[in-house]
PDB file of N, CA and C in Angstrom:
ATOM      1  N   MET A   1     -19.778 -13.345  -5.351  1.00  0.00           N
ATOM      2  CA  MET A   1     -18.551 -12.915  -4.703  1.00  0.00           C
ATOM      3  C   MET A   1     -17.582 -14.088  -4.720  1.00  0.00           C
ATOM      4  N   THR A   2     -16.398 -13.865  -5.271  1.00  0.00           N
ATOM      5  CA  THR A   2     -15.416 -14.940  -5.371  1.00  0.00           C
ATOM      6  C   THR A   2     -14.747 -15.186  -4.021  1.00  0.00           C
ATOM      7  N   ILE A   3     -14.034 -16.281  -3.952  1.00  0.00           N
ATOM      8  CA  ILE A   3     -13.361 -16.651  -2.713  1.00  0.00           C
ATOM      9  C   ILE A   3     -12.270 -15.632  -2.372  1.00  0.00           C
ATOM     10  N   PHE A   4     -11.603 -15.092  -3.415  1.00  0.00           N
ATOM     11  CA  PHE A   4     -10.538 -14.110  -3.168  1.00  0.00           C
ATOM     12  C   PHE A   4     -11.104 -12.817  -2.593  1.00  0.00           C
ATOM     13  N   SER A   5     -12.253 -12.392  -3.091  1.00  0.00           N
ATOM     14  CA  SER A   5     -12.834 -11.164  -2.548  1.00  0.00           C
ATOM     15  C   SER A   5     -13.338 -11.396  -1.120  1.00  0.00           C
ATOM     16  N   LYS A   6     -13.843 -12.586  -0.838  1.00  0.00           N
ATOM     17  CA  LYS A   6     -14.277 -12.885   0.535  1.00  0.00           C
ATOM     18  C   LYS A   6     -13.084 -12.875   1.490  1.00  0.00           C
ATOM     19  N   ILE A   7     -11.980 -13.477   1.055  1.00  0.00           N
ATOM     20  CA  ILE A   7     -10.787 -13.505   1.896  1.00  0.00           C
ATOM     21  C   ILE A   7     -10.262 -12.096   2.123  1.00  0.00           C
ATOM     22  N   SER A   8     -10.263 -11.273   1.077  1.00  0.00           N
ATOM     23  CA  SER A   8      -9.754  -9.904   1.248  1.00  0.00           C
ATOM     24  C   SER A   8     -10.655  -9.088   2.159  1.00  0.00           C
ATOM     25  N   VAL A   9     -11.967  -9.319   2.118  1.00  0.00           N
ATOM     26  CA  VAL A   9     -12.874  -8.610   3.025  1.00  0.00           C
ATOM     27  C   VAL A   9     -12.602  -9.032   4.470  1.00  0.00           C
ATOM     28  N   ILE A  10     -12.373 -10.310   4.695  1.00  0.00           N
ATOM     29  CA  ILE A  10     -12.099 -10.805   6.046  1.00  0.00           C
ATOM     30  C   ILE A  10     -10.780 -10.230   6.560  1.00  0.00           C
ATOM     31  N   ILE A  11      -9.749 -10.263   5.728  1.00  0.00           N
ATOM     32  CA  ILE A  11      -8.446  -9.739   6.155  1.00  0.00           C
ATOM     33  C   ILE A  11      -8.528  -8.247   6.443  1.00  0.00           C
ATOM     34  N   THR A  12      -9.231  -7.502   5.593  1.00  0.00           N
ATOM     35  CA  THR A  12      -9.370  -6.061   5.793  1.00  0.00           C
ATOM     36  C   THR A  12     -10.121  -5.754   7.075  1.00  0.00           C
ATOM     37  N   SER A  13     -11.215  -6.477   7.327  1.00  0.00           N
ATOM     38  CA  SER A  13     -11.984  -6.192   8.537  1.00  0.00           C
ATOM     39  C   SER A  13     -11.191  -6.549   9.794  1.00  0.00           C
ATOM     40  N   VAL A  14     -10.435  -7.649   9.758  1.00  0.00           N
ATOM     41  CA  VAL A  14      -9.606  -8.000  10.909  1.00  0.00           C
ATOM     42  C   VAL A  14      -8.553  -6.923  11.139  1.00  0.00           C
ATOM     43  N   TYR A  15      -7.950  -6.413  10.058  1.00  0.00           N
ATOM     44  CA  TYR A  15      -6.950  -5.370  10.182  1.00  0.00           C
ATOM     45  C   TYR A  15      -7.545  -4.113  10.804  1.00  0.00           C
ATOM     46  N   PHE A  16      -8.730  -3.684  10.344  1.00  0.00           N
ATOM     47  CA  PHE A  16      -9.328  -2.466  10.868  1.00  0.00           C
ATOM     48  C   PHE A  16      -9.786  -2.629  12.318  1.00  0.00           C
ATOM     49  N   PHE A  17     -10.292  -3.805  12.677  1.00  0.00           N
ATOM     50  CA  PHE A  17     -10.674  -4.022  14.071  1.00  0.00           C
ATOM     51  C   PHE A  17      -9.445  -4.019  14.971  1.00  0.00           C
ATOM     52  N   ALA A  18      -8.348  -4.613  14.504  1.00  0.00           N
ATOM     53  CA  ALA A  18      -7.125  -4.614  15.299  1.00  0.00           C
ATOM     54  C   ALA A  18      -6.572  -3.201  15.419  1.00  0.00           C
ATOM     55  N   ALA A  19      -6.642  -2.423  14.344  1.00  0.00           N
ATOM     56  CA  ALA A  19      -6.154  -1.047  14.386  1.00  0.00           C
ATOM     57  C   ALA A  19      -7.008  -0.203  15.323  1.00  0.00           C
ATOM     58  N   ALA A  20      -8.318  -0.416  15.330  1.00  0.00           N
ATOM     59  CA  ALA A  20      -9.192   0.334  16.225  1.00  0.00           C
ATOM     60  C   ALA A  20      -8.892  -0.021  17.683  1.00  0.00           C
ATOM     61  N   LYS A  21      -8.611  -1.293  17.942  1.00  0.00           N
ATOM     62  CA  LYS A  21      -8.298  -1.710  19.306  1.00  0.00           C
ATOM     63  C   LYS A  21      -6.981  -1.078  19.760  1.00  0.00           C
ATOM     64  N   VAL A  22      -5.980  -1.029  18.902  1.00  0.00           N
ATOM     65  CA  VAL A  22      -4.701  -0.412  19.252  1.00  0.00           C
ATOM     66  C   VAL A  22      -4.899   1.080  19.473  1.00  0.00           C
ATOM     67  N   SER A  23      -5.708   1.737  18.632  1.00  0.00           N
ATOM     68  CA  SER A  23      -5.950   3.169  18.783  1.00  0.00           C
ATOM     69  C   SER A  23      -6.669   3.472  20.087  1.00  0.00           C
ATOM     70  N   ALA A  24      -7.588   2.616  20.476  1.00  0.00           N
ATOM     71  CA  ALA A  24      -8.340   2.834  21.706  1.00  0.00           C
ATOM     72  C   ALA A  24      -7.451   2.636  22.935  1.00  0.00           C
ATOM     73  N   ALA A  25      -6.406   1.829  22.812  1.00  0.00           N
ATOM     74  CA  ALA A  25      -5.533   1.562  23.950  1.00  0.00           C
ATOM     75  C   ALA A  25      -4.559   2.705  24.208  1.00  0.00           C
ATOM     76  N   GLY A  26      -4.416   3.611  23.268  1.00  0.00           N
ATOM     77  CA  GLY A  26      -3.491   4.722  23.437  1.00  0.00           C
ATOM     78  C   GLY A  26      -2.464   4.723  22.336  1.00  0.00           C
ATOM     79  N   PRO A  27      -1.560   5.683  22.391  1.00  0.00           N
ATOM     80  CA  PRO A  27      -0.566   5.751  21.322  1.00  0.00           C
ATOM     81  C   PRO A  27       0.342   4.530  21.331  1.00  0.00           C
ATOM     82  N   ALA A  28       0.560   3.981  20.165  1.00  0.00           N
ATOM     83  CA  ALA A  28       1.411   2.807  20.039  1.00  0.00           C
ATOM     84  C   ALA A  28       2.333   2.992  18.847  1.00  0.00           C
ATOM     85  N   SER A  29       3.457   2.397  18.929  1.00  0.00           N
ATOM     86  CA  SER A  29       4.410   2.469  17.834  1.00  0.00           C
ATOM     87  C   SER A  29       4.519   1.093  17.194  1.00  0.00           C
ATOM     88  N   LEU A  30       4.141   1.019  15.931  1.00  0.00           N
ATOM     89  CA  LEU A  30       4.232  -0.244  15.203  1.00  0.00           C
ATOM     90  C   LEU A  30       5.373  -0.157  14.213  1.00  0.00           C
ATOM     91  N   PRO A  31       6.154  -1.229  14.084  1.00  0.00           N
ATOM     92  CA  PRO A  31       7.249  -1.197  13.119  1.00  0.00           C
ATOM     93  C   PRO A  31       6.714  -1.231  11.685  1.00  0.00           C
ATOM     94  N   ASN A  32       7.431  -0.598  10.789  1.00  0.00           N
ATOM     95  CA  ASN A  32       7.052  -0.580   9.393  1.00  0.00           C
ATOM     96  C   ASN A  32       7.490  -1.892   8.738  1.00  0.00           C
ATOM     97  N   PRO A  33       6.544  -2.742   8.306  1.00  0.00           N
ATOM     98  CA  PRO A  33       6.935  -4.032   7.721  1.00  0.00           C
ATOM     99  C   PRO A  33       7.569  -3.887   6.343  1.00  0.00           C
ATOM    100  N   LEU A  34       7.375  -2.736   5.694  1.00  0.00           N
ATOM    101  CA  LEU A  34       7.936  -2.536   4.358  1.00  0.00           C
ATOM    102  C   LEU A  34       9.397  -2.113   4.395  1.00  0.00           C
ATOM    103  N   LYS A  35       9.875  -1.692   5.538  1.00  0.00           N
ATOM    104  CA  LYS A  35      11.254  -1.251   5.744  1.00  0.00           C
ATOM    105  C   LYS A  35      11.603  -0.002   4.939  1.00  0.00           C
ATOM    106  N   THR A  36      10.617   0.682   4.380  1.00  0.00           N
ATOM    107  CA  THR A  36      10.857   1.920   3.647  1.00  0.00           C
ATOM    108  C   THR A  36       9.580   2.745   3.618  1.00  0.00           C
ATOM    109  N   ASP A  37       9.748   4.053   3.504  1.00  0.00           N
ATOM    110  CA  ASP A  37       8.603   4.945   3.371  1.00  0.00           C
ATOM    111  C   ASP A  37       8.489   5.486   1.951  1.00  0.00           C
ATOM    112  N   ASP A  38       9.415   5.110   1.084  1.00  0.00           N
ATOM    113  CA  ASP A  38       9.443   5.607  -0.285  1.00  0.00           C
ATOM    114  C   ASP A  38       8.504   4.782  -1.162  1.00  0.00           C
ATOM    115  N   ILE A  39       7.494   5.430  -1.709  1.00  0.00           N
ATOM    116  CA  ILE A  39       6.494   4.726  -2.511  1.00  0.00           C
ATOM    117  C   ILE A  39       7.110   4.160  -3.787  1.00  0.00           C
ATOM    118  N   ARG A  40       8.159   4.794  -4.308  1.00  0.00           N
ATOM    119  CA  ARG A  40       8.800   4.290  -5.525  1.00  0.00           C
ATOM    120  C   ARG A  40       9.432   2.924  -5.285  1.00  0.00           C
ATOM    121  N   VAL A  41      10.023   2.755  -4.117  1.00  0.00           N
ATOM    122  CA  VAL A  41      10.633   1.465  -3.785  1.00  0.00           C
ATOM    123  C   VAL A  41       9.555   0.398  -3.627  1.00  0.00           C
ATOM    124  N   VAL A  42       8.451   0.757  -2.993  1.00  0.00           N
ATOM    125  CA  VAL A  42       7.359  -0.195  -2.801  1.00  0.00           C
ATOM    126  C   VAL A  42       6.780  -0.625  -4.147  1.00  0.00           C
ATOM    127  N   ILE A  43       6.551   0.335  -5.046  1.00  0.00           N
ATOM    128  CA  ILE A  43       6.009   0.012  -6.361  1.00  0.00           C
ATOM    129  C   ILE A  43       7.011  -0.845  -7.140  1.00  0.00           C
ATOM    130  N   GLY A  44       8.284  -0.545  -7.033  1.00  0.00           N
ATOM    131  CA  GLY A  44       9.309  -1.354  -7.694  1.00  0.00           C
ATOM    132  C   GLY A  44       9.307  -2.790  -7.199  1.00  0.00           C
ATOM    133  N   ARG A  45       9.160  -2.967  -5.898  1.00  0.00           N
ATOM    134  CA  ARG A  45       9.100  -4.329  -5.342  1.00  0.00           C
ATOM    135  C   ARG A  45       7.874  -5.069  -5.843  1.00  0.00           C
ATOM    136  N   ILE A  46       6.732  -4.392  -5.873  1.00  0.00           N
ATOM    137  CA  ILE A  46       5.497  -5.024  -6.359  1.00  0.00           C
ATOM    138  C   ILE A  46       5.668  -5.458  -7.805  1.00  0.00           C
ATOM    139  N   ILE A  47       6.243  -4.598  -8.630  1.00  0.00           N
ATOM    140  CA  ILE A  47       6.445  -4.934 -10.045  1.00  0.00           C
ATOM    141  C   ILE A  47       7.417  -6.106 -10.177  1.00  0.00           C
ATOM    142  N   ASN A  48       8.481  -6.115  -9.401  1.00  0.00           N
ATOM    143  CA  ASN A  48       9.436  -7.227  -9.468  1.00  0.00           C
ATOM    144  C   ASN A  48       8.790  -8.544  -9.054  1.00  0.00           C
ATOM    145  N   TYR A  49       7.958  -8.537  -8.004  1.00  0.00           N
ATOM    146  CA  TYR A  49       7.274  -9.757  -7.598  1.00  0.00           C
ATOM    147  C   TYR A  49       6.281 -10.210  -8.664  1.00  0.00           C
ATOM    148  N   ALA A  50       5.580  -9.259  -9.283  1.00  0.00           N
ATOM    149  CA  ALA A  50       4.629  -9.612 -10.344  1.00  0.00           C
ATOM    150  C   ALA A  50       5.370 -10.222 -11.536  1.00  0.00           C
ATOM    151  N   LEU A  51       6.525  -9.662 -11.891  1.00  0.00           N
ATOM    152  CA  LEU A  51       7.296 -10.227 -12.999  1.00  0.00           C
ATOM    153  C   LEU A  51       7.810 -11.621 -12.650  1.00  0.00           C
ATOM    154  N   GLY A  52       8.170 -11.838 -11.403  1.00  0.00           N
ATOM    155  CA  GLY A  52       8.577 -13.179 -10.976  1.00  0.00           C
ATOM    156  C   GLY A  52       7.442 -14.178 -11.094  1.00  0.00           C
ATOM    157  N   PHE A  53       6.245 -13.753 -10.734  1.00  0.00           N
ATOM    158  CA  PHE A  53       5.075 -14.620 -10.860  1.00  0.00           C
ATOM    159  C   PHE A  53       4.794 -14.943 -12.325  1.00  0.00           C
ATOM    160  N   VAL A  54       4.881 -13.936 -13.178  1.00  0.00           N
ATOM    161  CA  VAL A  54       4.634 -14.150 -14.603  1.00  0.00           C
ATOM    162  C   VAL A  54       5.698 -15.079 -15.183  1.00  0.00           C
ATOM    163  N   GLY A  55       6.922 -14.978 -14.704  1.00  0.00           N
ATOM    164  CA  GLY A  55       7.969 -15.902 -15.139  1.00  0.00           C
ATOM    165  C   GLY A  55       7.644 -17.337 -14.757  1.00  0.00           C
ATOM    166  N   ALA A  56       7.071 -17.528 -13.577  1.00  0.00           N
ATOM    167  CA  ALA A  56       6.656 -18.867 -13.165  1.00  0.00           C
ATOM    168  C   ALA A  56       5.536 -19.389 -14.063  1.00  0.00           C
ATOM    169  N   VAL A  57       4.627 -18.511 -14.453  1.00  0.00           N
ATOM    170  CA  VAL A  57       3.553 -18.902 -15.369  1.00  0.00           C
ATOM    171  C   VAL A  57       4.146 -19.309 -16.721  1.00  0.00           C
ATOM    172  N   ALA A  58       5.175 -18.600 -17.178  1.00  0.00           N
ATOM    173  CA  ALA A  58       5.837 -18.958 -18.437  1.00  0.00           C
ATOM    174  C   ALA A  58       6.457 -20.353 -18.337  1.00  0.00           C
ATOM    175  N   LEU A  59       7.053 -20.676 -17.204  1.00  0.00           N
ATOM    176  CA  LEU A  59       7.613 -22.012 -17.010  1.00  0.00           C
ATOM    177  C   LEU A  59       6.528 -23.073 -17.105  1.00  0.00           C
ATOM    178  N   VAL A  60       5.387 -22.821 -16.496  1.00  0.00           N
ATOM    179  CA  VAL A  60       4.265 -23.762 -16.563  1.00  0.00           C
ATOM    180  C   VAL A  60       3.807 -23.934 -18.013  1.00  0.00           C
ATOM    181  N   MET A  61       3.796 -22.843 -18.775  1.00  0.00           N
ATOM    182  CA  MET A  61       3.384 -22.934 -20.176  1.00  0.00           C
ATOM    183  C   MET A  61       4.401 -23.743 -20.996  1.00  0.00           C
ATOM    184  N   PHE A  62       5.692 -23.629 -20.690  1.00  0.00           N
ATOM    185  CA  PHE A  62       6.686 -24.461 -21.359  1.00  0.00           C
ATOM    186  C   PHE A  62       6.422 -25.938 -21.083  1.00  0.00           C
ATOM    187  N   ILE A  63       6.158 -26.260 -19.838  1.00  0.00           N
ATOM    188  CA  ILE A  63       5.889 -27.653 -19.475  1.00  0.00           C
ATOM    189  C   ILE A  63       4.625 -28.145 -20.164  1.00  0.00           C
ATOM    190  N   TYR A  64       3.574 -27.334 -20.167  1.00  0.00           N
ATOM    191  CA  TYR A  64       2.315 -27.701 -20.803  1.00  0.00           C
ATOM    192  C   TYR A  64       2.507 -27.919 -22.307  1.00  0.00           C
ATOM    193  N   GLY A  65       3.212 -27.003 -22.977  1.00  0.00           N
ATOM    194  CA  GLY A  65       3.461 -27.150 -24.409  1.00  0.00           C
ATOM    195  C   GLY A  65       4.283 -28.384 -24.717  1.00  0.00           C
ATOM    196  N   GLY A  66       5.273 -28.670 -23.862  1.00  0.00           N
ATOM    197  CA  GLY A  66       6.070 -29.876 -24.053  1.00  0.00           C
ATOM    198  C   GLY A  66       5.249 -31.138 -23.921  1.00  0.00           C
ATOM    199  N   PHE A  67       4.381 -31.175 -22.931  1.00  0.00           N
ATOM    200  CA  PHE A  67       3.509 -32.339 -22.774  1.00  0.00           C
ATOM    201  C   PHE A  67       2.550 -32.482 -23.950  1.00  0.00           C
ATOM    202  N   LEU A  68       1.996 -31.364 -24.424  1.00  0.00           N
ATOM    203  CA  LEU A  68       1.107 -31.444 -25.586  1.00  0.00           C
ATOM    204  C   LEU A  68       1.838 -32.041 -26.789  1.00  0.00           C
ATOM    205  N   TRP A  69       3.060 -31.591 -26.995  1.00  0.00           N
ATOM    206  CA  TRP A  69       3.816 -32.061 -28.138  1.00  0.00           C
ATOM    207  C   TRP A  69       4.196 -33.537 -27.968  1.00  0.00           C
ATOM    208  N   MET A  70       4.662 -33.915 -26.767  1.00  0.00           N
ATOM    209  CA  MET A  70       5.083 -35.295 -26.547  1.00  0.00           C
ATOM    210  C   MET A  70       3.919 -36.269 -26.632  1.00  0.00           C
ATOM    211  N   LEU A  71       2.768 -35.859 -26.150  1.00  0.00           N
ATOM    212  CA  LEU A  71       1.619 -36.764 -26.104  1.00  0.00           C
ATOM    213  C   LEU A  71       0.701 -36.620 -27.317  1.00  0.00           C
ATOM    214  N   SER A  72       1.173 -35.964 -28.364  1.00  0.00           N
ATOM    215  CA  SER A  72       0.329 -35.731 -29.535  1.00  0.00           C
ATOM    216  C   SER A  72       0.115 -36.996 -30.356  1.00  0.00           C
ATOM    217  N   GLY A  73       1.017 -37.939 -30.241  1.00  0.00           N
ATOM    218  CA  GLY A  73       0.876 -39.179 -30.996  1.00  0.00           C
ATOM    219  C   GLY A  73       1.077 -38.984 -32.491  1.00  0.00           C
ATOM    220  N   GLY A  74       1.755 -37.934 -32.888  1.00  0.00           N
ATOM    221  CA  GLY A  74       2.012 -37.680 -34.298  1.00  0.00           C
ATOM    222  C   GLY A  74       0.870 -37.000 -35.022  1.00  0.00           C
ATOM    223  N   GLU A  75      -0.211 -36.701 -34.326  1.00  0.00           N
ATOM    224  CA  GLU A  75      -1.341 -36.012 -34.952  1.00  0.00           C
ATOM    225  C   GLU A  75      -0.940 -34.563 -35.234  1.00  0.00           C
ATOM    226  N   PRO A  76      -0.992 -34.132 -36.500  1.00  0.00           N
ATOM    227  CA  PRO A  76      -0.463 -32.817 -36.873  1.00  0.00           C
ATOM    228  C   PRO A  76      -1.111 -31.643 -36.129  1.00  0.00           C
ATOM    229  N   ALA A  77      -2.395 -31.700 -35.885  1.00  0.00           N
ATOM    230  CA  ALA A  77      -3.063 -30.585 -35.200  1.00  0.00           C
ATOM    231  C   ALA A  77      -2.561 -30.450 -33.760  1.00  0.00           C
ATOM    232  N   ARG A  78      -2.376 -31.587 -33.094  1.00  0.00           N
ATOM    233  CA  ARG A  78      -1.914 -31.539 -31.706  1.00  0.00           C
ATOM    234  C   ARG A  78      -0.430 -31.164 -31.623  1.00  0.00           C
ATOM    235  N   VAL A  79       0.366 -31.604 -32.604  1.00  0.00           N
ATOM    236  CA  VAL A  79       1.770 -31.204 -32.648  1.00  0.00           C
ATOM    237  C   VAL A  79       1.860 -29.695 -32.840  1.00  0.00           C
ATOM    238  N   LYS A  80       1.036 -29.158 -33.742  1.00  0.00           N
ATOM    239  CA  LYS A  80       1.034 -27.721 -33.995  1.00  0.00           C
ATOM    240  C   LYS A  80       0.612 -26.951 -32.749  1.00  0.00           C
ATOM    241  N   LYS A  81      -0.382 -27.464 -32.023  1.00  0.00           N
ATOM    242  CA  LYS A  81      -0.825 -26.787 -30.799  1.00  0.00           C
ATOM    243  C   LYS A  81       0.293 -26.764 -29.752  1.00  0.00           C
ATOM    244  N   GLY A  82       0.988 -27.878 -29.576  1.00  0.00           N
ATOM    245  CA  GLY A  82       2.098 -27.929 -28.632  1.00  0.00           C
ATOM    246  C   GLY A  82       3.242 -27.014 -29.034  1.00  0.00           C
ATOM    247  N   ARG A  83       3.582 -27.031 -30.341  1.00  0.00           N
ATOM    248  CA  ARG A  83       4.654 -26.171 -30.836  1.00  0.00           C
ATOM    249  C   ARG A  83       4.282 -24.697 -30.690  1.00  0.00           C
ATOM    250  N   ASP A  84       3.034 -24.346 -31.015  1.00  0.00           N
ATOM    251  CA  ASP A  84       2.590 -22.956 -30.865  1.00  0.00           C
ATOM    252  C   ASP A  84       2.622 -22.510 -29.412  1.00  0.00           C
ATOM    253  N   THR A  85       2.267 -23.405 -28.506  1.00  0.00           N
ATOM    254  CA  THR A  85       2.329 -23.071 -27.074  1.00  0.00           C
ATOM    255  C   THR A  85       3.767 -22.774 -26.668  1.00  0.00           C
ATOM    256  N   LEU A  86       4.705 -23.588 -27.147  1.00  0.00           N
ATOM    257  CA  LEU A  86       6.108 -23.351 -26.827  1.00  0.00           C
ATOM    258  C   LEU A  86       6.620 -22.053 -27.448  1.00  0.00           C
ATOM    259  N   VAL A  87       6.208 -21.763 -28.668  1.00  0.00           N
ATOM    260  CA  VAL A  87       6.644 -20.533 -29.334  1.00  0.00           C
ATOM    261  C   VAL A  87       6.115 -19.318 -28.576  1.00  0.00           C
ATOM    262  N   TRP A  88       4.834 -19.338 -28.230  1.00  0.00           N
ATOM    263  CA  TRP A  88       4.257 -18.181 -27.530  1.00  0.00           C
ATOM    264  C   TRP A  88       4.793 -18.046 -26.114  1.00  0.00           C
ATOM    265  N   ALA A  89       5.127 -19.160 -25.475  1.00  0.00           N
ATOM    266  CA  ALA A  89       5.757 -19.081 -24.156  1.00  0.00           C
ATOM    267  C   ALA A  89       7.141 -18.457 -24.267  1.00  0.00           C
ATOM    268  N   THR A  90       7.862 -18.768 -25.337  1.00  0.00           N
ATOM    269  CA  THR A  90       9.176 -18.174 -25.567  1.00  0.00           C
ATOM    270  C   THR A  90       9.056 -16.672 -25.811  1.00  0.00           C
ATOM    271  N   ILE A  91       8.092 -16.281 -26.628  1.00  0.00           N
ATOM    272  CA  ILE A  91       7.868 -14.855 -26.883  1.00  0.00           C
ATOM    273  C   ILE A  91       7.483 -14.147 -25.583  1.00  0.00           C
ATOM    274  N   GLY A  92       6.618 -14.773 -24.805  1.00  0.00           N
ATOM    275  CA  GLY A  92       6.228 -14.193 -23.522  1.00  0.00           C
ATOM    276  C   GLY A  92       7.400 -14.043 -22.573  1.00  0.00           C
ATOM    277  N   LEU A  93       8.280 -15.031 -22.561  1.00  0.00           N
ATOM    278  CA  LEU A  93       9.465 -14.956 -21.705  1.00  0.00           C
ATOM    279  C   LEU A  93      10.390 -13.835 -22.154  1.00  0.00           C
ATOM    280  N   ALA A  94      10.517 -13.632 -23.458  1.00  0.00           N
ATOM    281  CA  ALA A  94      11.328 -12.522 -23.959  1.00  0.00           C
ATOM    282  C   ALA A  94      10.728 -11.185 -23.533  1.00  0.00           C
ATOM    283  N   VAL A  95       9.408 -11.075 -23.579  1.00  0.00           N
ATOM    284  CA  VAL A  95       8.743  -9.846 -23.140  1.00  0.00           C
ATOM    285  C   VAL A  95       8.955  -9.636 -21.640  1.00  0.00           C
ATOM    286  N   ILE A  96       8.898 -10.713 -20.871  1.00  0.00           N
ATOM    287  CA  ILE A  96       9.108 -10.618 -19.421  1.00  0.00           C
ATOM    288  C   ILE A  96      10.522 -10.125 -19.121  1.00  0.00           C
ATOM    289  N   PHE A  97      11.525 -10.699 -19.799  1.00  0.00           N
ATOM    290  CA  PHE A  97      12.907 -10.260 -19.574  1.00  0.00           C
ATOM    291  C   PHE A  97      13.096  -8.801 -19.961  1.00  0.00           C
ATOM    292  N   ALA A  98      12.519  -8.408 -21.091  1.00  0.00           N
ATOM    293  CA  ALA A  98      12.640  -7.012 -21.531  1.00  0.00           C
ATOM    294  C   ALA A  98      11.965  -6.074 -20.540  1.00  0.00           C
ATOM    295  N   SER A  99      10.775  -6.437 -20.073  1.00  0.00           N
ATOM    296  CA  SER A  99      10.078  -5.571 -19.118  1.00  0.00           C
ATOM    297  C   SER A  99      10.823  -5.514 -17.790  1.00  0.00           C
ATOM    298  N   TYR A 100      11.441  -6.608 -17.382  1.00  0.00           N
ATOM    299  CA  TYR A 100      12.232  -6.606 -16.152  1.00  0.00           C
ATOM    300  C   TYR A 100      13.411  -5.647 -16.282  1.00  0.00           C
ATOM    301  N   ALA A 101      14.079  -5.683 -17.434  1.00  0.00           N
ATOM    302  CA  ALA A 101      15.212  -4.781 -17.651  1.00  0.00           C
ATOM    303  C   ALA A 101      14.758  -3.323 -17.661  1.00  0.00           C
ATOM    304  N   ILE A 102      13.644  -3.044 -18.308  1.00  0.00           N
ATOM    305  CA  ILE A 102      13.125  -1.676 -18.359  1.00  0.00           C
ATOM    306  C   ILE A 102      12.720  -1.198 -16.966  1.00  0.00           C
ATOM    307  N   VAL A 103      12.035  -2.054 -16.219  1.00  0.00           N
ATOM    308  CA  VAL A 103      11.600  -1.674 -14.869  1.00  0.00           C
ATOM    309  C   VAL A 103      12.805  -1.416 -13.976  1.00  0.00           C
ATOM    310  N   ASN A 104      13.815  -2.270 -14.037  1.00  0.00           N
ATOM    311  CA  ASN A 104      15.008  -2.042 -13.219  1.00  0.00           C
ATOM    312  C   ASN A 104      15.698  -0.743 -13.600  1.00  0.00           C
ATOM    313  N   PHE A 105      15.744  -0.428 -14.882  1.00  0.00           N
ATOM    314  CA  PHE A 105      16.362   0.814 -15.340  1.00  0.00           C
ATOM    315  C   PHE A 105      15.584   2.024 -14.826  1.00  0.00           C
ATOM    316  N   VAL A 106      14.265   1.997 -14.977  1.00  0.00           N
ATOM    317  CA  VAL A 106      13.436   3.140 -14.564  1.00  0.00           C
ATOM    318  C   VAL A 106      13.423   3.295 -13.049  1.00  0.00           C
ATOM    319  N   ILE A 107      13.203   2.219 -12.315  1.00  0.00           N
ATOM    320  CA  ILE A 107      13.170   2.281 -10.856  1.00  0.00           C
ATOM    321  C   ILE A 107      14.539   2.689 -10.314  1.00  0.00           C
ATOM    322  N   GLY A 108      15.614   2.178 -10.914  1.00  0.00           N
ATOM    323  CA  GLY A 108      16.957   2.580 -10.490  1.00  0.00           C
ATOM    324  C   GLY A 108      17.183   4.060 -10.707  1.00  0.00           C
ATOM    325  N   GLY A 109      16.681   4.586 -11.813  1.00  0.00           N
ATOM    326  CA  GLY A 109      16.798   6.012 -12.071  1.00  0.00           C
ATOM    327  C   GLY A 109      15.960   6.860 -11.133  1.00  0.00           C
ATOM    328  N   LEU A 110      14.786   6.364 -10.773  1.00  0.00           N
ATOM    329  CA  LEU A 110      13.916   7.120  -9.875  1.00  0.00           C
ATOM    330  C   LEU A 110      14.411   7.109  -8.437  1.00  0.00           C
ATOM    331  N   THR A 111      14.941   5.982  -7.991  1.00  0.00           N
ATOM    332  CA  THR A 111      15.326   5.883  -6.579  1.00  0.00           C
ATOM    333  C   THR A 111      16.692   6.462  -6.278  1.00  0.00           C
ATOM    334  N   SER A 112      17.639   6.286  -7.211  1.00  0.00           N
ATOM    335  CA  SER A 112      18.990   6.763  -6.899  1.00  0.00           C
ATOM    336  C   SER A 112      19.399   7.980  -7.706  1.00  0.00           C
ATOM    337  N   GLY A 113      18.617   8.348  -8.685  1.00  0.00           N
ATOM    338  CA  GLY A 113      18.968   9.494  -9.513  1.00  0.00           C
ATOM    339  C   GLY A 113      19.861   9.136 -10.676  1.00  0.00           C
ATOM    340  N   THR A 114      20.362   7.889 -10.694  1.00  0.00           N
ATOM    341  CA  THR A 114      21.162   7.424 -11.822  1.00  0.00           C
ATOM    342  C   THR A 114      20.663   6.046 -12.236  1.00  0.00           C
ATOM    343  N   ALA A 115      20.761   5.757 -13.499  1.00  0.00           N
ATOM    344  CA  ALA A 115      20.324   4.455 -13.993  1.00  0.00           C
ATOM    345  C   ALA A 115      21.402   3.427 -13.712  1.00  0.00           C
ATOM    346  N   LYS A 116      20.982   2.218 -13.339  1.00  0.00           N
ATOM    347  CA  LYS A 116      21.937   1.139 -13.032  1.00  0.00           C
ATOM    348  C   LYS A 116      22.317   0.416 -14.299  1.00  0.00           C
TER     349      LYS A 116
END
C-alpha cells in the first residue's frame, strides 16, 4: 500500500466519521465548498487543474533538458539526449495548449449553450 493510498484512506475515514457525528446530532446545513451543483462545471475545473499541473511538469522537463544539454561536455550522446528532451517537452507543451483550448471550447459549450 503506497503512502498516497494510506493518506486517502485516513482522509476518507475521518470524513465519514465526521459526517456520522453530524448526522447523529440532527439536521445540519453545510455550505457547498464547490460553489456549484453542476457536475459539468466541476469536471471542467478538475480538467483545468490537471492541465495546469501537466504544464508545470512540462516546465520541469524544459529545465531538465537544458541542464542535460549544458552539462553534456560536448559528448554527442548526451547532447542528443538533452536536445531530444527539449524537443519532446515542446511537443508536449503544444499538446497541452491544444487540449486546453479544446476543453475550454467543449466545457463552454456544455455550460452556457454557446462556445466561447
